[in-house]
């Protein structure tokens, strides 16, 4: 398991869920730590909607995502 911090303070809507982890909304304004096993996850800001974007946690605990999302 990797400890991943997700900070959404800069977003208008700070709550999100992580598909593949939990359907519950998390308030990212406090930059919570999540324990995630290696795999592919999606960030959902509206429950039941498609993920806004996906990221992968590698077996080394590294988070990888499409760099086109930066900015």
N, C-alpha and C. Protein backbone atom coordinates (compact mmCIF):
# COMPACT_ATOMS: atom_id res chain seq x y z
N UNK A 1 0.84 -1.19 0.00
CA UNK A 1 0.00 0.00 0.00
C UNK A 1 0.88 1.25 0.00
N UNK A 2 0.46 2.22 -0.77
CA UNK A 2 1.16 3.50 -0.82
C UNK A 2 0.30 4.55 -0.12
N UNK A 3 0.94 5.45 0.59
CA UNK A 3 0.25 6.57 1.22
C UNK A 3 0.28 7.72 0.22
N UNK A 4 -0.89 8.11 -0.28
CA UNK A 4 -1.01 9.13 -1.30
C UNK A 4 -1.78 10.32 -0.72
N UNK A 5 -1.22 11.51 -0.86
CA UNK A 5 -1.90 12.73 -0.40
C UNK A 5 -2.54 13.39 -1.61
N UNK A 6 -3.84 13.69 -1.49
CA UNK A 6 -4.56 14.36 -2.56
C UNK A 6 -5.06 15.70 -2.01
N UNK A 7 -4.55 16.77 -2.58
CA UNK A 7 -4.86 18.12 -2.12
C UNK A 7 -5.71 18.82 -3.17
N UNK A 8 -6.96 19.08 -2.85
CA UNK A 8 -7.85 19.73 -3.81
C UNK A 8 -8.25 21.15 -3.35
N UNK A 9 -7.46 21.75 -2.48
CA UNK A 9 -7.76 23.09 -1.98
C UNK A 9 -7.90 24.12 -3.09
N UNK A 10 -7.20 23.95 -4.20
CA UNK A 10 -7.24 24.91 -5.30
C UNK A 10 -8.45 24.77 -6.21
N UNK A 11 -9.30 23.77 -5.96
CA UNK A 11 -10.47 23.55 -6.80
C UNK A 11 -11.70 24.23 -6.22
N UNK A 12 -12.66 24.55 -7.05
CA UNK A 12 -13.90 25.15 -6.59
C UNK A 12 -14.67 24.17 -5.71
N UNK A 13 -14.73 22.93 -6.14
CA UNK A 13 -15.42 21.87 -5.39
C UNK A 13 -14.35 20.93 -4.88
N UNK A 14 -14.10 20.92 -3.58
CA UNK A 14 -12.97 20.17 -3.02
C UNK A 14 -13.26 18.71 -2.72
N UNK A 15 -14.53 18.32 -2.76
CA UNK A 15 -14.87 16.93 -2.43
C UNK A 15 -14.77 16.04 -3.65
N UNK A 16 -14.33 14.81 -3.42
CA UNK A 16 -14.17 13.84 -4.50
C UNK A 16 -14.23 12.44 -3.93
N UNK A 17 -14.40 11.46 -4.80
CA UNK A 17 -14.24 10.06 -4.42
C UNK A 17 -13.19 9.45 -5.33
N UNK A 18 -12.61 8.36 -4.88
CA UNK A 18 -11.59 7.67 -5.65
C UNK A 18 -12.17 6.33 -6.07
N UNK A 19 -12.52 6.20 -7.37
CA UNK A 19 -13.08 4.93 -7.85
C UNK A 19 -12.04 3.84 -7.69
N UNK A 20 -12.49 2.69 -7.30
CA UNK A 20 -11.58 1.59 -7.05
C UNK A 20 -11.08 1.58 -5.62
N UNK A 21 -11.40 2.63 -4.86
CA UNK A 21 -10.99 2.73 -3.46
C UNK A 21 -12.21 2.80 -2.55
N UNK A 22 -13.05 3.80 -2.75
CA UNK A 22 -14.23 3.99 -1.93
C UNK A 22 -15.21 4.89 -2.66
N UNK A 23 -16.51 4.61 -2.55
CA UNK A 23 -17.51 5.48 -3.18
C UNK A 23 -17.79 6.73 -2.34
N UNK A 24 -17.29 6.77 -1.10
CA UNK A 24 -17.55 7.89 -0.21
C UNK A 24 -16.79 9.13 -0.65
N UNK A 25 -17.43 10.30 -0.50
CA UNK A 25 -16.76 11.55 -0.81
C UNK A 25 -15.74 11.88 0.27
N UNK A 26 -14.60 12.38 -0.17
CA UNK A 26 -13.52 12.81 0.71
C UNK A 26 -13.37 14.31 0.49
N UNK A 27 -13.16 15.08 1.56
CA UNK A 27 -12.91 16.51 1.39
C UNK A 27 -11.42 16.72 1.28
N UNK A 28 -10.97 17.03 0.08
CA UNK A 28 -9.55 17.21 -0.19
C UNK A 28 -9.00 18.55 0.27
N UNK A 29 -9.85 19.42 0.84
CA UNK A 29 -9.37 20.72 1.31
C UNK A 29 -8.36 20.55 2.43
N UNK A 30 -8.43 19.44 3.15
CA UNK A 30 -7.47 19.16 4.21
C UNK A 30 -6.31 18.30 3.75
N UNK A 31 -6.20 18.06 2.45
CA UNK A 31 -5.13 17.25 1.86
C UNK A 31 -4.97 15.90 2.57
N UNK A 32 -6.03 15.07 2.56
CA UNK A 32 -5.98 13.80 3.29
C UNK A 32 -5.01 12.79 2.66
N UNK A 33 -4.53 11.87 3.48
CA UNK A 33 -3.70 10.75 3.03
C UNK A 33 -4.61 9.56 2.79
N UNK A 34 -4.44 8.90 1.67
CA UNK A 34 -5.19 7.68 1.35
C UNK A 34 -4.21 6.54 1.17
N UNK A 35 -4.55 5.38 1.69
CA UNK A 35 -3.74 4.18 1.49
C UNK A 35 -4.28 3.45 0.26
N UNK A 36 -3.47 3.41 -0.79
CA UNK A 36 -3.91 2.80 -2.04
C UNK A 36 -2.96 1.69 -2.47
N UNK A 37 -3.53 0.56 -2.82
CA UNK A 37 -2.77 -0.55 -3.36
C UNK A 37 -2.40 -0.22 -4.81
N UNK A 38 -1.39 -0.87 -5.35
CA UNK A 38 -1.06 -0.66 -6.76
C UNK A 38 -2.29 -0.91 -7.64
N UNK A 39 -2.51 -0.05 -8.61
CA UNK A 39 -3.65 -0.19 -9.51
C UNK A 39 -3.99 1.13 -10.15
N UNK A 40 -5.08 1.12 -10.92
CA UNK A 40 -5.56 2.32 -11.61
C UNK A 40 -6.79 2.81 -10.89
N UNK A 41 -6.82 4.12 -10.64
CA UNK A 41 -7.91 4.76 -9.91
C UNK A 41 -8.42 5.95 -10.69
N UNK A 42 -9.65 6.33 -10.41
CA UNK A 42 -10.22 7.52 -11.02
C UNK A 42 -10.67 8.49 -9.95
N UNK A 43 -10.57 9.78 -10.23
CA UNK A 43 -11.08 10.82 -9.34
C UNK A 43 -12.44 11.23 -9.87
N UNK A 44 -13.45 11.10 -9.01
CA UNK A 44 -14.82 11.47 -9.38
C UNK A 44 -15.26 12.61 -8.48
N UNK A 45 -15.71 13.71 -9.07
CA UNK A 45 -16.23 14.80 -8.27
C UNK A 45 -17.74 14.75 -8.16
N UNK A 46 -18.38 14.01 -9.04
CA UNK A 46 -19.82 13.81 -8.97
C UNK A 46 -20.06 12.30 -8.89
N UNK A 47 -20.55 11.82 -7.74
CA UNK A 47 -20.78 10.37 -7.60
C UNK A 47 -21.63 9.82 -8.72
N UNK A 48 -21.21 8.69 -9.26
CA UNK A 48 -21.95 8.04 -10.33
C UNK A 48 -21.59 8.51 -11.72
N UNK A 49 -20.84 9.60 -11.83
CA UNK A 49 -20.40 10.11 -13.13
C UNK A 49 -19.05 9.48 -13.47
N UNK A 50 -18.68 9.57 -14.71
CA UNK A 50 -17.37 9.07 -15.12
C UNK A 50 -16.28 9.85 -14.40
N UNK A 51 -15.15 9.18 -14.20
CA UNK A 51 -14.02 9.83 -13.53
C UNK A 51 -13.54 11.04 -14.32
N UNK A 52 -13.18 12.10 -13.59
CA UNK A 52 -12.63 13.30 -14.22
C UNK A 52 -11.27 13.01 -14.83
N UNK A 53 -10.48 12.19 -14.15
CA UNK A 53 -9.21 11.72 -14.68
C UNK A 53 -8.78 10.48 -13.92
N UNK A 54 -7.84 9.76 -14.49
CA UNK A 54 -7.33 8.53 -13.87
C UNK A 54 -5.85 8.68 -13.56
N UNK A 55 -5.41 7.93 -12.57
CA UNK A 55 -4.00 7.85 -12.23
C UNK A 55 -3.69 6.42 -11.82
N UNK A 56 -2.43 6.09 -11.84
CA UNK A 56 -2.00 4.74 -11.48
C UNK A 56 -1.02 4.81 -10.32
N UNK A 57 -1.18 3.89 -9.37
CA UNK A 57 -0.19 3.71 -8.31
C UNK A 57 0.61 2.47 -8.70
N UNK A 58 1.92 2.64 -8.87
CA UNK A 58 2.77 1.53 -9.29
C UNK A 58 3.11 0.64 -8.09
N UNK A 59 3.73 -0.49 -8.37
CA UNK A 59 4.16 -1.40 -7.30
C UNK A 59 5.24 -0.77 -6.42
N UNK A 60 5.89 0.27 -6.92
CA UNK A 60 6.89 0.99 -6.12
C UNK A 60 6.28 2.13 -5.33
N UNK A 61 4.94 2.30 -5.44
CA UNK A 61 4.26 3.36 -4.71
C UNK A 61 4.32 4.72 -5.38
N UNK A 62 4.66 4.73 -6.67
CA UNK A 62 4.75 5.97 -7.44
C UNK A 62 3.42 6.24 -8.12
N UNK A 63 2.99 7.50 -8.11
CA UNK A 63 1.76 7.88 -8.81
C UNK A 63 2.12 8.35 -10.21
N UNK A 64 1.46 7.78 -11.20
CA UNK A 64 1.67 8.15 -12.60
C UNK A 64 0.34 8.62 -13.18
N UNK A 65 0.42 9.63 -14.04
CA UNK A 65 -0.78 10.16 -14.70
C UNK A 65 -0.38 10.82 -16.01
N UNK A 66 -1.37 11.12 -16.82
CA UNK A 66 -1.13 11.75 -18.11
C UNK A 66 -0.63 13.17 -17.88
N UNK A 67 0.58 13.46 -18.32
CA UNK A 67 1.16 14.79 -18.10
C UNK A 67 0.42 15.89 -18.88
N UNK A 68 -0.45 15.53 -19.80
CA UNK A 68 -1.26 16.53 -20.49
C UNK A 68 -2.24 17.22 -19.53
N UNK A 69 -2.44 16.63 -18.35
CA UNK A 69 -3.33 17.20 -17.35
C UNK A 69 -2.70 18.33 -16.55
N UNK A 70 -1.42 18.51 -16.67
CA UNK A 70 -0.72 19.56 -15.90
C UNK A 70 -1.07 20.92 -16.47
N UNK A 71 -1.39 21.84 -15.57
CA UNK A 71 -1.63 23.22 -16.00
C UNK A 71 -3.04 23.55 -15.93
